[in-house]
């Protein structure tokens, strides 16, 4: 009898842990709502420099998959996070964003909004920054 109980407990533990595997062992989860867009802000000047590709995230925890515990998802926060990672970045172009759900059974779910795009800086601002740095005397 005890051997059957151990096998049953091992099976039950495996089933429970398999529900968390996507959230703990791998990057990613159930992905939905994948979108592409041209730019984050209105770009009135075509003279800009692409600095790097960057990404940002916003997430929220739902207790038992029903009750939000943390702040709601915010795409503007995720985009600003991506731009702030690159020094001199001012906006994003060629943006790809998607929504993932990670399951942490039985605690709840975590919804993650990920934004990825190319960070740009306007050429006129770059040249003005270079000029102002040249005027500062070295110490």
C-alpha atoms as a PDB file:
ATOM      1  CA  UNK A   1       0.000   0.000   0.000  1.00  0.00           C
ATOM      2  CA  UNK A   2       2.712   2.599   0.836  1.00  0.00           C
ATOM      3  CA  UNK A   3       4.367   1.984  -2.554  1.00  0.00           C
ATOM      4  CA  UNK A   4       1.138   2.899  -4.367  1.00  0.00           C
ATOM      5  CA  UNK A   5       0.848   6.034  -2.231  1.00  0.00           C
ATOM      6  CA  UNK A   6       4.394   7.108  -3.147  1.00  0.00           C
ATOM      7  CA  UNK A   7       3.718   6.521  -6.855  1.00  0.00           C
ATOM      8  CA  UNK A   8       0.474   8.493  -6.628  1.00  0.00           C
ATOM      9  CA  UNK A   9       2.209  11.408  -4.827  1.00  0.00           C
ATOM     10  CA  UNK A  10       5.008  11.421  -7.422  1.00  0.00           C
ATOM     11  CA  UNK A  11       2.455  11.456 -10.241  1.00  0.00           C
ATOM     12  CA  UNK A  12       0.471  14.252  -8.602  1.00  0.00           C
ATOM     13  CA  UNK A  13       3.636  16.301  -7.989  1.00  0.00           C
ATOM     14  CA  UNK A  14       4.686  15.870 -11.619  1.00  0.00           C
ATOM     15  CA  UNK A  15       1.281  17.052 -12.820  1.00  0.00           C
ATOM     16  CA  UNK A  16       1.377  20.131 -10.587  1.00  0.00           C
ATOM     17  CA  UNK A  17       4.949  21.047 -11.512  1.00  0.00           C
ATOM     18  CA  UNK A  18       4.242  20.595 -15.209  1.00  0.00           C
ATOM     19  CA  UNK A  19       1.678  23.408 -14.916  1.00  0.00           C
ATOM     20  CA  UNK A  20       4.476  25.751 -13.758  1.00  0.00           C
ATOM     21  CA  UNK A  21       7.142  24.567 -16.213  1.00  0.00           C
ATOM     22  CA  UNK A  22       6.342  27.154 -18.876  1.00  0.00           C
ATOM     23  CA  UNK A  23       6.694  29.977 -16.391  1.00  0.00           C
ATOM     24  CA  UNK A  24       9.748  28.726 -14.525  1.00  0.00           C
ATOM     25  CA  UNK A  25      11.905  26.776 -16.948  1.00  0.00           C
ATOM     26  CA  UNK A  26      11.429  28.672 -20.207  1.00  0.00           C
ATOM     27  CA  UNK A  27      11.317  32.276 -21.323  1.00  0.00           C
ATOM     28  CA  UNK A  28       7.850  32.864 -22.695  1.00  0.00           C
ATOM     29  CA  UNK A  29       4.397  31.589 -22.066  1.00  0.00           C
ATOM     30  CA  UNK A  30       1.099  31.438 -23.919  1.00  0.00           C
ATOM     31  CA  UNK A  31       1.502  34.234 -26.486  1.00  0.00           C
ATOM     32  CA  UNK A  32      -1.390  36.149 -27.988  1.00  0.00           C
ATOM     33  CA  UNK A  33      -2.123  39.525 -29.572  1.00  0.00           C
ATOM     34  CA  UNK A  34       1.117  39.928 -31.510  1.00  0.00           C
ATOM     35  CA  UNK A  35       1.187  43.246 -33.409  1.00  0.00           C
ATOM     36  CA  UNK A  36       3.525  45.334 -35.548  1.00  0.00           C
ATOM     37  CA  UNK A  37       3.478  49.125 -35.822  1.00  0.00           C
ATOM     38  CA  UNK A  38       5.673  51.674 -37.603  1.00  0.00           C
ATOM     39  CA  UNK A  39       6.544  54.148 -34.840  1.00  0.00           C
ATOM     40  CA  UNK A  40       5.873  55.094 -31.232  1.00  0.00           C
ATOM     41  CA  UNK A  41       5.542  58.841 -31.821  1.00  0.00           C
ATOM     42  CA  UNK A  42       4.853  61.076 -34.798  1.00  0.00           C
ATOM     43  CA  UNK A  43       8.166  61.515 -36.608  1.00  0.00           C
ATOM     44  CA  UNK A  44       8.247  64.845 -38.432  1.00  0.00           C
ATOM     45  CA  UNK A  45      11.933  64.716 -39.294  1.00  0.00           C
ATOM     46  CA  UNK A  46      13.259  62.010 -41.599  1.00  0.00           C
ATOM     47  CA  UNK A  47      16.828  62.599 -40.433  1.00  0.00           C
ATOM     48  CA  UNK A  48      17.322  60.186 -37.588  1.00  0.00           C
ATOM     49  CA  UNK A  49      19.907  57.615 -36.639  1.00  0.00           C
ATOM     50  CA  UNK A  50      19.016  54.067 -35.620  1.00  0.00           C
ATOM     51  CA  UNK A  51      20.965  53.337 -32.434  1.00  0.00           C
ATOM     52  CA  UNK A  52      20.076  49.761 -31.407  1.00  0.00           C
ATOM     53  CA  UNK A  53      17.265  47.260 -31.025  1.00  0.00           C
ATOM     54  CA  UNK A  54      15.839  47.224 -27.527  1.00  0.00           C
ATOM     55  CA  UNK A  55      12.934  45.767 -25.574  1.00  0.00           C
ATOM     56  CA  UNK A  56      10.839  46.628 -22.531  1.00  0.00           C
ATOM     57  CA  UNK A  57       8.182  44.883 -20.464  1.00  0.00           C
ATOM     58  CA  UNK A  58       5.177  45.592 -18.294  1.00  0.00           C
ATOM     59  CA  UNK A  59       3.568  42.874 -16.185  1.00  0.00           C
ATOM     60  CA  UNK A  60       0.757  42.228 -13.754  1.00  0.00           C
ATOM     61  CA  UNK A  61      -0.020  39.357 -11.365  1.00  0.00           C
ATOM     62  CA  UNK A  62      -3.508  37.852 -11.156  1.00  0.00           C
ATOM     63  CA  UNK A  63      -4.108  35.933  -7.913  1.00  0.00           C
ATOM     64  CA  UNK A  64      -5.847  32.634  -8.765  1.00  0.00           C
ATOM     65  CA  UNK A  65      -6.067  33.961 -12.327  1.00  0.00           C
ATOM     66  CA  UNK A  66      -8.892  36.341 -11.344  1.00  0.00           C
ATOM     67  CA  UNK A  67      -7.835  39.174  -9.036  1.00  0.00           C
ATOM     68  CA  UNK A  68      -5.193  41.698 -10.174  1.00  0.00           C
ATOM     69  CA  UNK A  69      -2.621  42.255  -7.416  1.00  0.00           C
ATOM     70  CA  UNK A  70      -0.165  44.615  -9.133  1.00  0.00           C
ATOM     71  CA  UNK A  71      -0.484  47.591 -11.486  1.00  0.00           C
ATOM     72  CA  UNK A  72      -2.246  46.989 -14.828  1.00  0.00           C
ATOM     73  CA  UNK A  73      -0.327  46.469 -18.066  1.00  0.00           C
ATOM     74  CA  UNK A  74       1.029  49.719 -19.527  1.00  0.00           C
ATOM     75  CA  UNK A  75       2.370  49.785 -23.101  1.00  0.00           C
ATOM     76  CA  UNK A  76       3.731  53.332 -22.660  1.00  0.00           C
ATOM     77  CA  UNK A  77       5.836  52.188 -19.693  1.00  0.00           C
ATOM     78  CA  UNK A  78       7.182  49.238 -21.710  1.00  0.00           C
ATOM     79  CA  UNK A  79       8.100  51.517 -24.643  1.00  0.00           C
ATOM     80  CA  UNK A  80       9.781  54.108 -22.408  1.00  0.00           C
ATOM     81  CA  UNK A  81      11.722  51.323 -20.698  1.00  0.00           C
ATOM     82  CA  UNK A  82      13.012  50.155 -24.095  1.00  0.00           C
ATOM     83  CA  UNK A  83      14.064  53.690 -25.105  1.00  0.00           C
ATOM     84  CA  UNK A  84      15.742  54.444 -21.745  1.00  0.00           C
ATOM     85  CA  UNK A  85      17.982  51.377 -22.026  1.00  0.00           C
ATOM     86  CA  UNK A  86      19.866  53.002 -24.944  1.00  0.00           C
ATOM     87  CA  UNK A  87      21.822  56.215 -24.191  1.00  0.00           C
ATOM     88  CA  UNK A  88      20.638  59.068 -26.413  1.00  0.00           C
ATOM     89  CA  UNK A  89      17.482  57.249 -27.481  1.00  0.00           C
ATOM     90  CA  UNK A  90      14.428  59.388 -28.195  1.00  0.00           C
ATOM     91  CA  UNK A  91      11.793  57.180 -29.829  1.00  0.00           C
ATOM     92  CA  UNK A  92      11.023  53.722 -31.230  1.00  0.00           C
ATOM     93  CA  UNK A  93      10.368  52.585 -34.801  1.00  0.00           C
ATOM     94  CA  UNK A  94       9.530  49.175 -36.318  1.00  0.00           C
ATOM     95  CA  UNK A  95       7.796  48.110 -33.112  1.00  0.00           C
ATOM     96  CA  UNK A  96       6.670  44.543 -32.416  1.00  0.00           C
ATOM     97  CA  UNK A  97       4.627  43.957 -29.272  1.00  0.00           C
ATOM     98  CA  UNK A  98       2.910  40.919 -27.833  1.00  0.00           C
ATOM     99  CA  UNK A  99       1.124  39.671 -24.739  1.00  0.00           C
ATOM    100  CA  UNK A 100       2.150  36.523 -22.851  1.00  0.00           C
ATOM    101  CA  UNK A 101       0.472  34.658 -20.009  1.00  0.00           C
ATOM    102  CA  UNK A 102       2.584  32.623 -17.587  1.00  0.00           C
ATOM    103  CA  UNK A 103       0.794  30.125 -15.339  1.00  0.00           C
ATOM    104  CA  UNK A 104       2.003  29.630 -11.763  1.00  0.00           C
ATOM    105  CA  UNK A 105      -0.343  26.897 -10.595  1.00  0.00           C
ATOM    106  CA  UNK A 106      -2.084  27.190  -8.076  1.00  0.00           C
ATOM    107  CA  UNK A 107      -0.966  30.755  -7.184  1.00  0.00           C
ATOM    108  CA  UNK A 108      -2.244  32.454 -10.329  1.00  0.00           C
ATOM    109  CA  UNK A 109      -1.074  33.915 -13.621  1.00  0.00           C
ATOM    110  CA  UNK A 110       1.281  36.661 -14.701  1.00  0.00           C
ATOM    111  CA  UNK A 111       0.443  38.683 -17.804  1.00  0.00           C
ATOM    112  CA  UNK A 112       3.443  40.226 -19.554  1.00  0.00           C
ATOM    113  CA  UNK A 113       3.334  42.826 -22.317  1.00  0.00           C
ATOM    114  CA  UNK A 114       6.639  42.895 -24.236  1.00  0.00           C
ATOM    115  CA  UNK A 115       7.647  45.664 -26.651  1.00  0.00           C
ATOM    116  CA  UNK A 116      10.608  45.355 -29.019  1.00  0.00           C
ATOM    117  CA  UNK A 117      11.797  47.916 -31.556  1.00  0.00           C
ATOM    118  CA  UNK A 118      14.616  50.005 -32.983  1.00  0.00           C
ATOM    119  CA  UNK A 119      15.614  52.967 -30.825  1.00  0.00           C
ATOM    120  CA  UNK A 120      16.304  56.159 -32.777  1.00  0.00           C
ATOM    121  CA  UNK A 121      17.830  59.559 -32.125  1.00  0.00           C
ATOM    122  CA  UNK A 122      17.253  62.602 -34.311  1.00  0.00           C
ATOM    123  CA  UNK A 123      20.322  63.756 -36.289  1.00  0.00           C
ATOM    124  CA  UNK A 124      19.879  67.459 -35.427  1.00  0.00           C
ATOM    125  CA  UNK A 125      19.911  66.647 -31.703  1.00  0.00           C
ATOM    126  CA  UNK A 126      23.029  64.494 -32.138  1.00  0.00           C
ATOM    127  CA  UNK A 127      24.943  67.273 -33.908  1.00  0.00           C
ATOM    128  CA  UNK A 128      23.851  69.859 -31.292  1.00  0.00           C
ATOM    129  CA  UNK A 129      24.976  67.517 -28.510  1.00  0.00           C
ATOM    130  CA  UNK A 130      28.363  67.033 -30.184  1.00  0.00           C
ATOM    131  CA  UNK A 131      28.812  70.825 -30.538  1.00  0.00           C
ATOM    132  CA  UNK A 132      27.927  71.480 -26.899  1.00  0.00           C
ATOM    133  CA  UNK A 133      30.369  68.792 -25.733  1.00  0.00           C
ATOM    134  CA  UNK A 134      33.195  70.381 -27.754  1.00  0.00           C
ATOM    135  CA  UNK A 135      32.573  73.783 -26.090  1.00  0.00           C
ATOM    136  CA  UNK A 136      33.058  72.406 -22.576  1.00  0.00           C
ATOM    137  CA  UNK A 137      36.717  72.870 -21.550  1.00  0.00           C
ATOM    138  CA  UNK A 138      38.471  69.747 -20.256  1.00  0.00           C
ATOM    139  CA  UNK A 139      39.376  69.669 -16.554  1.00  0.00           C
END
